C-alpha atoms as a PDB file:
ATOM      1  CA  MET A   1      -4.600  -2.359  10.747  1.00  0.00           C
ATOM      2  CA  MET A   2      -4.943  -6.081  10.646  1.00  0.00           C
ATOM      3  CA  ASN A   3      -7.519  -7.109  13.154  1.00  0.00           C
ATOM      4  CA  ASN A   4      -7.003  -9.881  15.699  1.00  0.00           C
ATOM      5  CA  LYS A   5      -9.576 -12.107  14.004  1.00  0.00           C
ATOM      6  CA  VAL A   6      -7.515 -12.292  10.857  1.00  0.00           C
ATOM      7  CA  LEU A   7      -4.362 -12.959  12.734  1.00  0.00           C
ATOM      8  CA  ASP A   8      -6.078 -15.661  14.860  1.00  0.00           C
ATOM      9  CA  ASP A   9      -7.477 -17.216  11.697  1.00  0.00           C
ATOM     10  CA  ILE A  10      -3.971 -17.411  10.155  1.00  0.00           C
ATOM     11  CA  ALA A  11      -2.517 -18.905  13.345  1.00  0.00           C
ATOM     12  CA  SER A  12      -5.179 -21.532  13.480  1.00  0.00           C
ATOM     13  CA  ARG A  13      -4.728 -22.493   9.875  1.00  0.00           C
ATOM     14  CA  PHE A  14      -0.951 -22.736  10.360  1.00  0.00           C
ATOM     15  CA  SER A  15      -1.525 -25.076  13.317  1.00  0.00           C
ATOM     16  CA  GLN A  16      -3.838 -27.250  11.314  1.00  0.00           C
ATOM     17  CA  LEU A  17      -1.397 -27.413   8.443  1.00  0.00           C
ATOM     18  CA  ALA A  18       1.569 -28.324  10.671  1.00  0.00           C
ATOM     19  CA  ALA A  19      -0.375 -31.081  12.408  1.00  0.00           C
ATOM     20  CA  ASN A  20      -1.631 -32.686   9.182  1.00  0.00           C
ATOM     21  CA  LEU A  21       1.141 -32.272   6.617  1.00  0.00           C
ATOM     22  CA  PRO A  22       4.737 -33.519   6.153  1.00  0.00           C
ATOM     23  CA  ALA A  23       7.381 -30.870   6.494  1.00  0.00           C
ATOM     24  CA  GLY A  24       7.935 -30.462   2.721  1.00  0.00           C
ATOM     25  CA  GLU A  25       4.230 -29.627   2.100  1.00  0.00           C
ATOM     26  CA  ILE A  26       4.022 -27.024   4.927  1.00  0.00           C
ATOM     27  CA  GLU A  27       5.864 -24.269   3.138  1.00  0.00           C
ATOM     28  CA  LYS A  28       4.030 -24.727  -0.101  1.00  0.00           C
ATOM     29  CA  ASN A  29       0.589 -24.657   1.710  1.00  0.00           C
ATOM     30  CA  ALA A  30       1.658 -21.831   3.946  1.00  0.00           C
ATOM     31  CA  ARG A  31       2.507 -19.687   0.912  1.00  0.00           C
ATOM     32  CA  ALA A  32      -0.871 -20.470  -0.605  1.00  0.00           C
ATOM     33  CA  LEU A  33      -2.693 -19.711   2.624  1.00  0.00           C
ATOM     34  CA  LEU A  34      -0.856 -16.376   3.025  1.00  0.00           C
ATOM     35  CA  SER A  35      -1.494 -15.487  -0.634  1.00  0.00           C
ATOM     36  CA  SER A  36      -5.212 -16.147  -0.088  1.00  0.00           C
ATOM     37  CA  VAL A  37      -5.270 -14.003   3.129  1.00  0.00           C
ATOM     38  CA  PHE A  38      -3.355 -11.210   1.582  1.00  0.00           C
ATOM     39  CA  SER A  39      -5.545 -11.228  -1.539  1.00  0.00           C
ATOM     40  CA  ARG A  40      -8.618 -10.600   0.604  1.00  0.00           C
ATOM     41  CA  MET A  41      -7.022  -7.594   2.283  1.00  0.00           C
ATOM     42  CA  ASP A  42      -6.581  -4.306   0.353  1.00  0.00           C
ATOM     43  CA  LEU A  43      -2.828  -4.525  -0.008  1.00  0.00           C
ATOM     44  CA  VAL A  44      -0.765  -3.157  -2.878  1.00  0.00           C
ATOM     45  CA  THR A  45       2.457  -4.435  -4.220  1.00  0.00           C
ATOM     46  CA  ARG A  46       5.747  -2.576  -3.624  1.00  0.00           C
ATOM     47  CA  GLU A  47       5.794  -1.668  -7.328  1.00  0.00           C
ATOM     48  CA  GLU A  48       2.247  -0.113  -7.108  1.00  0.00           C
ATOM     49  CA  PHE A  49       3.256   1.714  -4.008  1.00  0.00           C
ATOM     50  CA  ASP A  50       6.426   3.150  -5.520  1.00  0.00           C
ATOM     51  CA  LEU A  51       4.554   4.170  -8.696  1.00  0.00           C
ATOM     52  CA  GLN A  52       1.988   6.048  -6.643  1.00  0.00           C
ATOM     53  CA  ARG A  53       4.660   7.681  -4.475  1.00  0.00           C
ATOM     54  CA  GLU A  54       6.417   8.952  -7.618  1.00  0.00           C
ATOM     55  CA  ALA A  55       3.038  10.241  -9.031  1.00  0.00           C
ATOM     56  CA  LEU A  56       2.423  12.063  -5.751  1.00  0.00           C
ATOM     57  CA  ALA A  57       5.852  13.648  -5.707  1.00  0.00           C
ATOM     58  CA  LYS A  58       5.354  14.891  -9.200  1.00  0.00           C
ATOM     59  CA  ALA A  59       1.918  16.208  -8.293  1.00  0.00           C
ATOM     60  CA  ARG A  60       3.442  18.015  -5.282  1.00  0.00           C
ATOM     61  CA  GLU A  61       6.096  19.645  -7.562  1.00  0.00           C
ATOM     62  CA  LYS A  62       3.435  20.835 -10.071  1.00  0.00           C
ATOM     63  CA  LEU A  63       1.277  22.187  -7.270  1.00  0.00           C
ATOM     64  CA  ALA A  64       4.192  24.150  -5.783  1.00  0.00           C
ATOM     65  CA  ALA A  65       4.968  25.538  -9.213  1.00  0.00           C
ATOM     66  CA  LEU A  66       1.272  26.544  -9.748  1.00  0.00           C
ATOM     67  CA  GLU A  67       1.077  28.098  -6.339  1.00  0.00           C
ATOM     68  CA  ALA A  68       4.174  30.179  -7.123  1.00  0.00           C
ATOM     69  CA  ARG A  69       2.803  31.244 -10.473  1.00  0.00           C
ATOM     70  CA  VAL A  70      -0.590  32.198  -8.945  1.00  0.00           C
ATOM     71  CA  ALA A  71       1.236  34.287  -6.298  1.00  0.00           C
ATOM     72  CA  GLU A  72       3.250  35.984  -8.971  1.00  0.00           C
ATOM     73  CA  ILE A  73       0.147  36.772 -11.022  1.00  0.00           C
ATOM     74  CA  GLU A  74      -1.706  38.113  -7.901  1.00  0.00           C
ATOM     75  CA  ALA A  75       1.299  40.272  -7.024  1.00  0.00           C
ATOM     76  CA  LYS A  76       1.331  41.716 -10.508  1.00  0.00           C
ATOM     77  CA  ALA A  77      -2.407  42.360 -10.437  1.00  0.00           C
ATOM     78  CA  ALA A  78      -2.148  44.028  -7.031  1.00  0.00           C
ATOM     79  CA  ALA A  79       0.728  46.295  -8.402  1.00  0.00           C
ATOM     80  CA  ASP A  80      -1.236  47.310 -11.462  1.00  0.00           C
ATOM     81  CA  LYS A  81      -4.140  48.587  -9.330  1.00  0.00           C
END
């Protein structure tokens, strides 16, 4: 889903950082760079993902229960005719 331009941009920036900075500064700046890149992308945190997954599971359970209830009501209505 990431396009090559974004990855090329990241690689280019890492190369520039490595050439211009002492080793201790590279990690700090790499984290800042990656944070900046990821913030521009529509990514979610693991926590947000897990919450949405749980909400979806609950919604599926409710949907299954409602479908069963509708089928039961339809069966009773058909039997009453």
